[in-house]
Protein backbone atom coordinates (compact mmCIF):
# COMPACT_ATOMS: atom_id res chain seq x y z
CA MET A 1 107.16 128.83 69.00
CA PRO A 2 105.01 125.65 69.10
CA THR A 3 102.39 125.37 71.80
CA THR A 4 101.53 122.28 73.77
CA LYS A 5 97.85 121.55 74.25
CA LYS A 6 97.08 121.04 77.91
CA LEU A 7 94.55 118.33 78.69
CA ASN A 8 91.67 119.45 80.85
CA ARG A 9 90.66 115.94 81.82
CA GLN A 10 92.33 112.57 81.73
CA VAL A 11 90.86 109.12 81.18
CA VAL A 12 92.10 105.79 82.47
CA ARG A 13 90.32 102.50 81.73
CA VAL A 14 90.09 99.99 84.58
CA ILE A 15 89.02 96.36 84.24
CA PRO A 16 88.06 94.85 87.60
CA ARG A 17 89.33 91.29 87.75
CA GLN A 18 86.68 88.59 88.07
CA ASP A 19 89.16 86.40 89.96
CA GLY A 20 90.28 89.18 92.29
CA PRO A 21 88.91 90.62 95.52
CA LEU A 22 86.48 92.93 93.68
CA ARG A 23 84.90 89.98 91.81
CA GLY A 24 84.55 92.17 88.73
CA HIS A 25 82.34 94.79 90.41
CA ARG A 26 82.59 98.10 88.58
CA GLN A 27 81.05 100.09 91.43
CA ALA A 28 83.86 98.93 93.74
CA VAL A 29 86.36 100.55 91.37
CA LEU A 30 84.40 103.81 91.33
CA ASP A 31 84.12 103.71 95.14
CA ALA A 32 87.89 103.26 95.51
CA PHE A 33 88.57 106.54 93.70
CA ASP A 34 85.57 108.57 94.87
CA SER A 35 87.31 110.17 97.87
CA MET A 36 90.03 111.46 95.51
CA GLY A 37 87.50 113.39 93.44
CA VAL A 38 87.70 110.96 90.53
CA THR A 39 84.45 110.07 88.80
CA GLY A 40 83.70 107.68 86.01
CA GLU A 41 81.27 105.36 84.36
CA GLY A 42 81.12 101.66 83.80
CA MET A 43 80.07 99.40 81.00
CA SER A 44 79.59 95.66 80.88
CA SER A 45 79.71 94.91 77.18
CA PRO A 46 81.80 94.05 75.27
CA VAL A 47 84.24 94.37 78.19
CA ASN A 48 83.44 94.79 81.87
CA MET A 49 85.28 98.03 82.62
CA VAL A 50 85.23 101.50 84.13
CA ALA A 51 86.42 104.68 82.47
CA LEU A 52 87.83 106.94 85.18
CA ASP A 53 87.45 110.67 84.53
CA ILE A 54 90.29 112.51 86.27
CA ALA A 55 89.52 116.21 86.52
CA PRO A 56 92.06 119.04 86.75
CA GLY A 57 93.27 119.59 90.29
CA VAL A 58 93.05 115.92 91.31
CA ASP A 59 96.19 114.54 92.98
CA LEU A 60 97.63 112.58 90.06
CA THR A 61 100.32 110.95 92.18
CA ALA A 62 97.71 109.52 94.56
CA VAL A 63 95.47 108.30 91.73
CA LYS A 64 98.30 106.65 89.83
CA GLY A 65 99.61 105.12 93.05
CA LEU A 66 96.22 103.56 93.81
CA LEU A 67 95.92 102.28 90.25
CA LYS A 68 99.31 100.57 90.50
CA GLN A 69 98.59 99.22 93.98
CA GLY A 70 95.26 97.77 92.83
CA GLU A 71 96.89 96.15 89.82
CA GLN A 72 99.67 94.63 91.94
CA SER A 73 97.17 93.28 94.48
CA GLY A 74 95.06 91.64 91.77
CA GLN A 75 92.04 93.95 92.01
CA TRP A 76 92.16 95.21 88.43
CA HIS A 77 94.10 95.88 85.28
CA PHE A 78 94.36 99.43 83.99
CA GLU A 79 95.23 101.16 80.76
CA GLU A 80 95.97 104.81 80.19
CA GLY A 81 93.61 106.38 77.69
CA SER A 82 93.96 110.13 77.31
CA THR A 83 96.66 111.33 79.70
CA SER A 84 98.95 114.30 80.08
CA GLN A 85 102.71 114.51 79.98
CA GLU A 86 102.62 115.18 83.73
CA TRP A 87 100.76 111.88 84.25
CA ARG A 88 103.17 109.93 82.05
CA GLU A 89 106.19 111.36 83.86
CA LEU A 90 104.95 109.89 87.14
CA GLY A 91 106.22 106.53 85.91
């Protein structure tokens, strides 16, 4: 019987929009997810972005909801990096 490898951590890349309310500030992205237990790190070159590190036990529905809300409100763009089947099934 084949086994499915379970991801311990998940990564989502977030690009804060320069023309949005965050004015491209990476720390503002990190601050938005801090209370959810999500950490990350930013880089400014070649692309101004944040890699969010989503640990096991974090409320994936809440994190994905905030990501979508922030994208819809013009705060950032996001891209799923290394994510689980559970994450992808959230839609």
